[in-house]
N, C-alpha and C. Protein backbone atom coordinates (compact mmCIF):
# COMPACT_ATOMS: atom_id res chain seq x y z
N MET A 1 104.15 40.69 -39.34
CA MET A 1 105.33 39.70 -40.04
C MET A 1 105.75 41.08 -40.91
N PRO A 2 106.99 40.70 -40.96
CA PRO A 2 107.99 41.84 -41.35
C PRO A 2 107.21 42.86 -43.08
N GLY A 3 107.63 43.24 -43.59
CA GLY A 3 107.36 43.66 -45.08
C GLY A 3 108.05 42.60 -45.49
N ALA A 4 109.31 42.47 -45.15
CA ALA A 4 109.80 41.85 -46.32
C ALA A 4 109.22 40.57 -46.29
N CYS A 5 109.05 39.48 -45.19
CA CYS A 5 107.88 38.16 -45.38
C CYS A 5 106.81 38.69 -46.09
N GLU A 6 105.91 39.79 -46.38
CA GLU A 6 104.82 40.03 -46.66
C GLU A 6 105.17 40.28 -48.51
N ASP A 7 106.11 40.73 -48.81
CA ASP A 7 106.54 40.81 -50.05
C ASP A 7 106.69 39.54 -50.36
N ALA A 8 107.38 38.55 -49.78
CA ALA A 8 107.83 37.54 -50.25
C ALA A 8 106.26 36.85 -50.31
N ARG A 9 105.53 36.80 -49.44
CA ARG A 9 104.21 36.07 -49.89
C ARG A 9 103.85 36.22 -50.59
N GLN A 10 103.59 37.87 -51.18
CA GLN A 10 103.28 38.28 -52.37
C GLN A 10 103.65 37.40 -53.58
N ARG A 11 104.96 37.57 -53.75
CA ARG A 11 105.66 36.85 -54.71
C ARG A 11 105.47 35.44 -54.60
N ILE A 12 105.41 34.56 -53.74
CA ILE A 12 104.78 33.11 -53.64
C ILE A 12 103.60 32.93 -54.59
N SER A 13 102.55 33.67 -54.59
CA SER A 13 101.36 33.51 -55.41
C SER A 13 101.98 34.53 -56.58
N LEU A 14 102.35 35.03 -56.56
CA LEU A 14 102.52 35.36 -58.33
C LEU A 14 103.36 34.23 -58.80
N ALA A 15 104.17 33.65 -58.73
CA ALA A 15 105.34 32.58 -58.72
C ALA A 15 104.33 31.65 -58.99
N LEU A 16 103.33 31.13 -58.17
CA LEU A 16 102.17 29.80 -58.67
C LEU A 16 101.79 30.10 -59.84
N ASP A 17 101.33 31.42 -59.70
CA ASP A 17 100.38 31.67 -61.02
C ASP A 17 100.96 32.13 -62.70
N ARG A 18 102.62 31.62 -62.56
CA ARG A 18 103.55 32.14 -63.29
C ARG A 18 103.29 33.64 -63.88
N LYS A 19 103.28 34.32 -62.83
CA LYS A 19 103.58 35.98 -63.20
C LYS A 19 104.07 36.69 -62.65
N LEU A 20 105.34 35.88 -61.72
CA LEU A 20 106.35 36.67 -61.16
C LEU A 20 107.84 36.87 -62.49
N PRO A 21 108.20 38.05 -62.28
CA PRO A 21 109.00 38.57 -63.33
C PRO A 21 110.62 37.70 -62.46
N GLU A 22 111.36 37.51 -63.72
CA GLU A 22 112.80 36.89 -63.25
C GLU A 22 113.50 37.54 -62.16
N LEU A 23 113.65 38.87 -61.57
CA LEU A 23 114.51 39.61 -60.93
C LEU A 23 113.70 39.52 -59.79
N ASP A 24 112.47 39.20 -59.62
CA ASP A 24 111.88 39.03 -58.39
C ASP A 24 111.47 37.83 -57.86
N HIS A 25 111.94 36.95 -58.92
CA HIS A 25 111.77 35.64 -58.58
C HIS A 25 113.55 35.15 -57.87
N ILE A 26 114.53 35.72 -58.51
CA ILE A 26 115.14 35.90 -57.70
C ILE A 26 115.62 36.32 -56.39
N ARG A 27 114.70 37.39 -55.94
CA ARG A 27 114.73 37.84 -54.87
C ARG A 27 113.94 37.20 -53.90
N LEU A 28 112.77 36.19 -54.22
CA LEU A 28 112.09 35.41 -53.52
C LEU A 28 112.79 34.26 -53.11
N GLU A 29 113.75 33.78 -53.87
CA GLU A 29 115.03 32.47 -53.96
C GLU A 29 115.44 33.23 -52.63
N ARG A 30 116.58 34.47 -52.50
CA ARG A 30 117.34 34.47 -51.45
C ARG A 30 116.38 34.86 -49.92
N HIS A 31 115.27 35.55 -50.41
CA HIS A 31 114.31 35.28 -48.75
C HIS A 31 114.00 33.84 -48.41
N LEU A 32 113.78 33.18 -49.21
CA LEU A 32 113.54 31.76 -48.91
C LEU A 32 114.49 30.70 -47.80
N GLU A 33 115.30 31.23 -48.52
CA GLU A 33 116.87 30.55 -47.85
C GLU A 33 116.90 31.16 -46.46
N ASP A 34 116.95 32.14 -46.20
CA ASP A 34 116.72 33.01 -44.12
C ASP A 34 115.89 32.52 -43.60
N CYS A 35 114.42 32.08 -44.53
CA CYS A 35 113.02 32.72 -43.87
C CYS A 35 112.25 30.96 -43.46
N ASP A 36 112.43 30.37 -42.38
CA ASP A 36 111.94 29.17 -42.04
C ASP A 36 110.38 29.47 -42.39
N ALA A 37 109.35 30.69 -41.81
CA ALA A 37 108.05 30.66 -42.00
C ALA A 37 108.27 31.31 -43.59
N CYS A 38 108.42 31.48 -44.19
CA CYS A 38 107.74 31.52 -45.83
C CYS A 38 108.22 30.76 -46.70
N ARG A 39 108.99 29.48 -45.93
CA ARG A 39 109.23 28.52 -46.61
C ARG A 39 108.39 27.43 -46.53
N SER A 40 107.88 27.38 -45.39
CA SER A 40 106.36 27.03 -45.16
C SER A 40 105.02 27.42 -45.50
N PHE A 41 105.19 28.65 -46.12
CA PHE A 41 104.02 29.22 -46.86
C PHE A 41 104.00 28.46 -47.33
N GLN A 42 105.14 28.55 -48.49
CA GLN A 42 104.99 28.32 -49.52
C GLN A 42 105.00 26.62 -49.94
N THR A 43 105.51 25.79 -48.84
CA THR A 43 104.77 24.48 -49.21
C THR A 43 103.43 24.43 -49.20
N ALA A 44 102.83 25.26 -47.87
CA ALA A 44 101.59 24.83 -48.24
C ALA A 44 100.55 26.15 -48.90
N ALA A 45 101.36 26.84 -49.56
CA ALA A 45 100.58 27.39 -51.03
C ALA A 45 100.60 26.45 -52.01
N VAL A 46 101.69 25.67 -52.41
CA VAL A 46 101.88 25.38 -53.29
C VAL A 46 101.61 24.00 -53.25
N ASP A 47 100.95 23.35 -51.88
CA ASP A 47 99.67 21.81 -52.32
C ASP A 47 98.61 22.50 -51.89
N VAL A 48 98.44 23.81 -51.94
CA VAL A 48 96.54 23.97 -51.74
C VAL A 48 96.04 24.18 -53.27
N THR A 49 97.44 24.75 -53.91
CA THR A 49 97.32 25.06 -55.34
C THR A 49 97.03 23.77 -56.38
N ARG A 50 97.97 23.18 -56.20
CA ARG A 50 97.88 21.70 -56.70
C ARG A 50 96.60 20.82 -56.17
N THR A 51 95.90 20.90 -55.50
CA THR A 51 94.87 20.39 -54.74
C THR A 51 93.60 20.52 -55.77
N ILE A 52 93.83 22.02 -55.57
CA ILE A 52 92.79 23.09 -56.03
C ILE A 52 92.69 22.67 -57.88
N ARG A 53 94.00 23.04 -58.37
CA ARG A 53 93.86 22.71 -59.90
C ARG A 53 93.86 21.60 -60.01
N GLY A 54 94.09 20.48 -59.48
CA GLY A 54 94.01 18.98 -59.62
C GLY A 54 92.77 18.34 -59.58
N SER A 55 91.79 19.27 -58.64
CA SER A 55 90.34 18.44 -58.53
C SER A 55 89.42 18.55 -59.71
N ARG A 56 88.09 18.01 -59.89
CA ARG A 56 87.26 18.27 -60.37
C ARG A 56 86.03 19.30 -60.18
N LEU A 57 85.66 20.22 -61.54
CA LEU A 57 85.03 20.93 -61.29
C LEU A 57 83.71 20.50 -60.62
N GLU A 58 82.92 20.92 -60.01
CA GLU A 58 81.77 21.11 -59.70
C GLU A 58 80.40 21.55 -60.48
N ALA A 59 79.35 20.70 -60.80
CA ALA A 59 78.23 20.86 -61.68
C ALA A 59 77.63 21.94 -60.80
N ARG A 60 76.74 22.65 -61.50
CA ARG A 60 76.10 23.87 -60.57
C ARG A 60 74.90 23.02 -60.34
N VAL A 61 74.68 23.53 -59.02
CA VAL A 61 72.94 22.49 -58.18
C VAL A 61 72.04 23.83 -58.74
N LEU A 62 72.37 24.57 -58.86
CA LEU A 62 70.81 25.80 -58.92
C LEU A 62 71.39 26.39 -60.20
N PRO A 63 70.06 26.96 -61.33
CA PRO A 63 70.02 27.71 -62.35
C PRO A 63 70.88 28.83 -61.97
N PHE A 64 71.77 29.57 -62.66
CA PHE A 64 72.03 31.07 -62.60
C PHE A 64 71.47 31.67 -63.52
N ALA A 65 71.02 32.89 -63.48
CA ALA A 65 70.79 34.07 -64.50
C ALA A 65 70.60 35.53 -63.94
N LEU A 66 71.67 35.99 -64.73
CA LEU A 66 71.67 37.40 -64.26
C LEU A 66 70.63 38.01 -64.79
N PRO A 67 70.18 39.57 -63.62
CA PRO A 67 68.61 40.00 -63.58
C PRO A 67 69.08 40.74 -65.10
N ARG A 68 68.11 41.15 -65.77
CA ARG A 68 68.63 41.94 -66.65
C ARG A 68 68.29 43.25 -66.15
N ARG A 69 69.03 44.05 -67.06
CA ARG A 69 69.05 45.37 -66.91
C ARG A 69 67.73 46.21 -67.29
N ARG A 70 66.90 47.40 -66.25
CA ARG A 70 66.28 47.72 -66.52
C ARG A 70 66.51 49.01 -67.12
N ARG A 71 65.83 49.11 -68.47
CA ARG A 71 65.97 50.29 -69.05
C ARG A 71 65.07 51.49 -69.05
N VAL A 72 65.23 52.57 -69.23
CA VAL A 72 63.93 53.57 -68.81
C VAL A 72 63.80 54.16 -70.62
N PRO A 73 62.82 53.94 -70.94
CA PRO A 73 62.77 54.52 -72.61
C PRO A 73 62.65 55.35 -72.63
N VAL A 74 63.05 56.38 -73.27
CA VAL A 74 63.24 57.58 -73.76
C VAL A 74 61.78 58.07 -73.99
N HIS A 75 60.72 57.96 -74.34
CA HIS A 75 59.77 57.94 -74.31
C HIS A 75 58.84 58.54 -72.85
N ALA A 76 59.36 58.09 -71.93
CA ALA A 76 59.01 57.60 -70.47
C ALA A 76 59.59 58.97 -69.97
N ILE A 77 60.59 59.15 -70.55
CA ILE A 77 61.40 61.04 -69.78
C ILE A 77 60.59 61.84 -70.32
N GLN A 78 60.81 61.60 -71.83
CA GLN A 78 60.10 62.83 -72.73
C GLN A 78 58.40 62.88 -71.68
N LEU A 79 57.88 62.26 -71.67
CA LEU A 79 56.28 62.11 -71.34
C LEU A 79 56.48 62.85 -69.76
N THR A 80 57.49 62.30 -68.89
CA THR A 80 57.84 63.19 -67.56
C THR A 80 57.89 64.82 -67.85
N ALA A 81 58.69 64.91 -68.85
CA ALA A 81 58.94 66.19 -69.22
C ALA A 81 57.77 66.65 -69.25
N VAL A 82 57.32 66.32 -69.95
CA VAL A 82 55.76 67.12 -70.74
C VAL A 82 55.05 67.29 -69.91
N VAL A 83 54.70 66.49 -68.96
CA VAL A 83 54.02 66.74 -67.52
C VAL A 83 54.32 67.65 -66.65
N ALA A 84 55.77 67.49 -66.48
CA ALA A 84 56.44 68.38 -65.80
C ALA A 84 56.35 69.94 -66.13
N ALA A 85 56.02 70.26 -67.82
CA ALA A 85 55.95 71.23 -68.48
C ALA A 85 54.08 71.75 -67.78
N VAL A 86 53.50 70.95 -67.92
CA VAL A 86 52.12 71.70 -67.93
C VAL A 86 51.97 71.47 -66.78
N ALA A 87 52.25 70.97 -65.62
CA ALA A 87 52.31 71.40 -63.99
C ALA A 87 52.19 72.86 -64.14
N LEU A 88 53.83 73.07 -64.66
CA LEU A 88 54.01 74.12 -64.16
C LEU A 88 53.38 75.36 -64.81
N VAL A 89 53.02 75.45 -66.07
CA VAL A 89 51.99 76.03 -66.57
C VAL A 89 50.74 76.38 -66.00
N ALA A 90 50.27 75.09 -65.42
CA ALA A 90 48.86 75.23 -64.77
C ALA A 90 48.92 76.01 -63.51
N THR A 91 50.42 75.77 -62.74
CA THR A 91 50.63 76.60 -61.63
C THR A 91 50.57 77.73 -61.95
N VAL A 92 51.27 78.29 -62.72
CA VAL A 92 51.49 79.54 -63.04
C VAL A 92 50.26 80.28 -63.27
N THR A 93 49.61 79.52 -64.56
CA THR A 93 48.25 80.66 -64.88
C THR A 93 46.91 80.34 -64.05
N ARG A 94 47.40 79.53 -62.69
CA ARG A 94 46.70 79.63 -61.64
C ARG A 94 46.90 80.80 -60.64
N LEU A 95 47.86 81.67 -61.04
CA LEU A 95 48.08 82.58 -59.98
C LEU A 95 47.36 83.71 -60.33
N PRO A 96 47.48 84.68 -59.58
CA PRO A 96 46.11 86.01 -59.73
C PRO A 96 47.41 86.83 -60.50
N LEU A 97 46.99 87.56 -61.36
CA LEU A 97 47.81 88.88 -61.63
C LEU A 97 47.79 90.42 -61.07
N THR A 98 46.97 89.86 -59.82
CA THR A 98 46.28 90.83 -58.94
C THR A 98 47.44 90.58 -57.53
N GLY A 99 48.04 91.77 -57.26
CA GLY A 99 48.23 91.27 -55.86
C GLY A 99 48.07 92.53 -54.65
N THR A 100 48.25 91.90 -53.48
CA THR A 100 48.25 93.58 -52.70
C THR A 100 49.71 93.65 -52.02
N PRO A 101 50.30 94.73 -52.07
CA PRO A 101 50.80 95.30 -51.91
C PRO A 101 51.01 95.08 -50.32
N ALA A 102 52.59 95.82 -49.47
CA ALA A 102 52.23 95.98 -48.11
C ALA A 102 51.60 97.09 -47.94
N ASN A 103 51.33 98.54 -48.95
CA ASN A 103 51.16 99.18 -48.04
C ASN A 103 49.02 99.14 -48.51
N GLY A 104 48.70 97.96 -48.74
CA GLY A 104 47.65 97.67 -49.21
C GLY A 104 46.74 97.87 -50.13
N THR A 105 47.33 99.09 -51.16
CA THR A 105 46.90 99.11 -52.09
C THR A 105 46.86 98.08 -53.73
N HIS A 106 45.62 97.51 -54.01
CA HIS A 106 46.28 97.06 -55.31
C HIS A 106 46.31 97.22 -56.59
N ALA A 107 47.06 96.98 -57.58
CA ALA A 107 47.60 97.04 -58.93
C ALA A 107 46.88 97.23 -59.42
N PHE A 108 45.62 96.24 -59.61
CA PHE A 108 44.66 96.38 -60.42
C PHE A 108 43.42 96.38 -60.42
N ARG A 109 42.27 96.85 -60.38
CA ARG A 109 40.91 96.79 -59.92
C ARG A 109 40.50 95.36 -60.99
N GLY A 110 39.44 94.90 -60.25
CA GLY A 110 38.53 93.58 -60.76
C GLY A 110 39.18 92.42 -60.57
N ALA A 111 38.42 91.65 -61.48
CA ALA A 111 39.01 90.11 -61.22
C ALA A 111 40.18 89.82 -62.05
N PRO A 112 41.24 89.49 -61.31
CA PRO A 112 41.98 88.35 -61.42
C PRO A 112 42.08 87.87 -63.00
N GLN A 113 43.05 88.31 -63.94
CA GLN A 113 43.37 87.80 -65.54
C GLN A 113 43.91 86.59 -65.24
N ARG A 114 43.38 86.26 -66.36
CA ARG A 114 44.28 84.65 -67.03
C ARG A 114 44.94 84.56 -68.03
N ALA A 115 46.02 83.54 -68.27
CA ALA A 115 46.83 83.92 -69.25
C ALA A 115 46.31 83.55 -70.46
N PHE A 116 45.53 82.33 -70.28
CA PHE A 116 44.78 81.75 -71.32
C PHE A 116 43.29 81.45 -71.06
N VAL A 117 42.59 81.48 -72.03
CA VAL A 117 41.37 81.31 -71.56
C VAL A 117 41.02 80.27 -73.42
N GLN A 118 39.83 79.47 -72.68
CA GLN A 118 39.62 78.37 -73.60
C GLN A 118 38.37 78.75 -74.66
N ARG A 119 38.60 79.00 -75.82
CA ARG A 119 37.78 79.31 -76.80
C ARG A 119 37.49 78.09 -78.02
N GLY A 120 36.19 77.80 -77.90
CA GLY A 120 35.85 76.66 -79.26
C GLY A 120 36.88 75.69 -78.69
N GLY A 121 36.90 75.27 -77.33
CA GLY A 121 37.42 74.28 -77.49
C GLY A 121 38.90 73.81 -77.17
N LYS A 122 39.63 75.01 -77.86
CA LYS A 122 40.74 75.27 -77.48
C LYS A 122 41.90 76.13 -76.21
N LEU A 123 42.46 76.26 -75.94
CA LEU A 123 43.41 77.02 -75.11
C LEU A 123 44.17 77.83 -75.65
N VAL A 124 44.19 79.16 -75.87
CA VAL A 124 44.82 80.31 -76.56
C VAL A 124 44.62 81.19 -75.25
N PRO A 125 45.79 82.27 -75.76
CA PRO A 125 46.49 83.52 -75.26
C PRO A 125 45.36 84.39 -74.95
N ALA A 126 45.11 84.80 -74.19
CA ALA A 126 43.68 86.30 -73.68
C ALA A 126 44.35 87.14 -74.46
N ARG A 127 43.70 87.92 -75.38
CA ARG A 127 44.19 89.50 -76.02
C ARG A 127 44.10 90.04 -74.92
N SER A 128 42.92 90.52 -74.20
CA SER A 128 43.12 91.58 -73.50
C SER A 128 43.95 92.14 -72.42
N ARG A 129 44.59 92.95 -71.60
CA ARG A 129 45.07 92.51 -70.22
C ARG A 129 44.11 93.68 -69.46
N ASP A 130 43.31 94.13 -70.07
CA ASP A 130 42.45 95.22 -69.63
C ASP A 130 40.91 94.60 -68.56
N PRO A 131 41.55 95.02 -67.28
CA PRO A 131 40.61 93.70 -66.19
C PRO A 131 39.30 94.29 -66.73
N ALA A 132 39.07 95.61 -67.36
CA ALA A 132 37.50 96.43 -67.09
C ALA A 132 36.93 95.49 -68.42
N ALA A 133 37.87 94.97 -69.63
CA ALA A 133 37.03 94.37 -71.02
C ALA A 133 36.60 92.93 -70.93
N PRO A 134 35.57 93.20 -71.53
CA PRO A 134 34.68 91.28 -71.15
C PRO A 134 35.66 90.69 -72.19
N VAL A 135 35.62 89.55 -71.80
CA VAL A 135 36.12 88.61 -72.10
C VAL A 135 35.43 87.63 -73.05
N ALA A 136 36.05 87.29 -74.29
CA ALA A 136 34.79 86.31 -75.13
C ALA A 136 35.18 85.14 -75.21
N ALA A 137 34.91 84.61 -74.21
CA ALA A 137 35.38 83.13 -74.35
C ALA A 137 34.23 82.35 -73.38
N ASP A 138 34.52 81.04 -73.72
CA ASP A 138 33.30 80.06 -73.46
C ASP A 138 33.34 80.18 -72.11
N ARG A 139 34.67 79.70 -71.61
CA ARG A 139 34.96 79.53 -69.89
C ARG A 139 36.74 80.00 -69.90
N ILE A 140 37.17 80.39 -68.89
CA ILE A 140 38.35 80.96 -68.27
C ILE A 140 39.02 79.23 -67.81
N ALA A 141 40.41 79.26 -68.32
CA ALA A 141 41.08 77.83 -68.29
C ALA A 141 41.39 78.38 -66.67
N LEU A 142 41.37 77.14 -66.32
CA LEU A 142 42.00 77.17 -64.73
C LEU A 142 43.21 76.67 -64.88
């Protein structure tokens, strides 16, 4: 199908919907004078359009409902952020502050220190960084 026929068929469709500008309508008429294939397309398109527009609308057989949009509540996002932060802190505080460098010497002697300790049922920062100093705490937080 040549490009002129393709354009003419688009114009036929626009003309049926009464959306074709006047200048394009004139171009369409000139093309239809010379093209039998587009004239027969126009006749068929007009017949189909009249049939569809003249028929009654069908009643719905099945009920139709759009699914509800699922919205994530803001508090759920906040809770997720808090859980992630707690997991990060728990992971970091479980890492020992002592390390073994490549040469095999230790940076600190003694037990690994914790960043937080539990005192009186509350989690508080550890005060002493001296590994030899005793920690006055009920339990060391893990």
